[in-house]
Amino acid sequence: MKPFLVLGLGNEMLKDDAVGIRVAESLKDSFPDEVEVRSTSSFGLSLLDELIDREKVLVIDSYLPEEFVGSEIQERNLDSVGEACGVSPHFVGLGEVREVMRKLGLGFPHEVRILAIPVSDPTTFSTEMTPAVAALVDEAAARARRIVEAWLPVPAR
């Protein structure tokens, strides 16, 4: 398994919720061999398999701001997000996945970064994102590249 993972989350059938997947798709073949780029519509404890034995992970996902206008792409460290308690095993976040993995000794990544992209319509059934969200894909991909490139060792001269 490769030490670094870029993981786009979302649902391609729910309009803007696909943005994490679209950003991950745009990053394919952007990195050296030690970086794996994947996308998934899985969530909750299903993400456990994606995270086992990774050194660092960049999660790319959407968020629904109170107002879309003026909202920005956000970069967060998992530790800065805090804990969220899911009401059932189907609705757990990365914080709960981290605790399960630690208790089971499954090797949670040393660093998890989150790139959160604002969306306006993550619930309408459609394979087309809104134009404003689609326009953020390139910017999000560029930010993802900068994050991952900072993780990579500097080549010897």
Foldseek 3Di string as FASTA:
>chain_A
DAQEEEEFEADLQFALQCLSVLLLVVCPPVDDPSYYGYYDPAFFLVCLVVFFNHQEYEYEGEDEDPDLVPDDWDKDWVVVVDADDDPDSRDHHPNVNVVVCVVVVRHGHPTYMYTYQYAHTRGDGDSHHDPVSVVCSVVSNVVVVVVVVVVDDDDDD
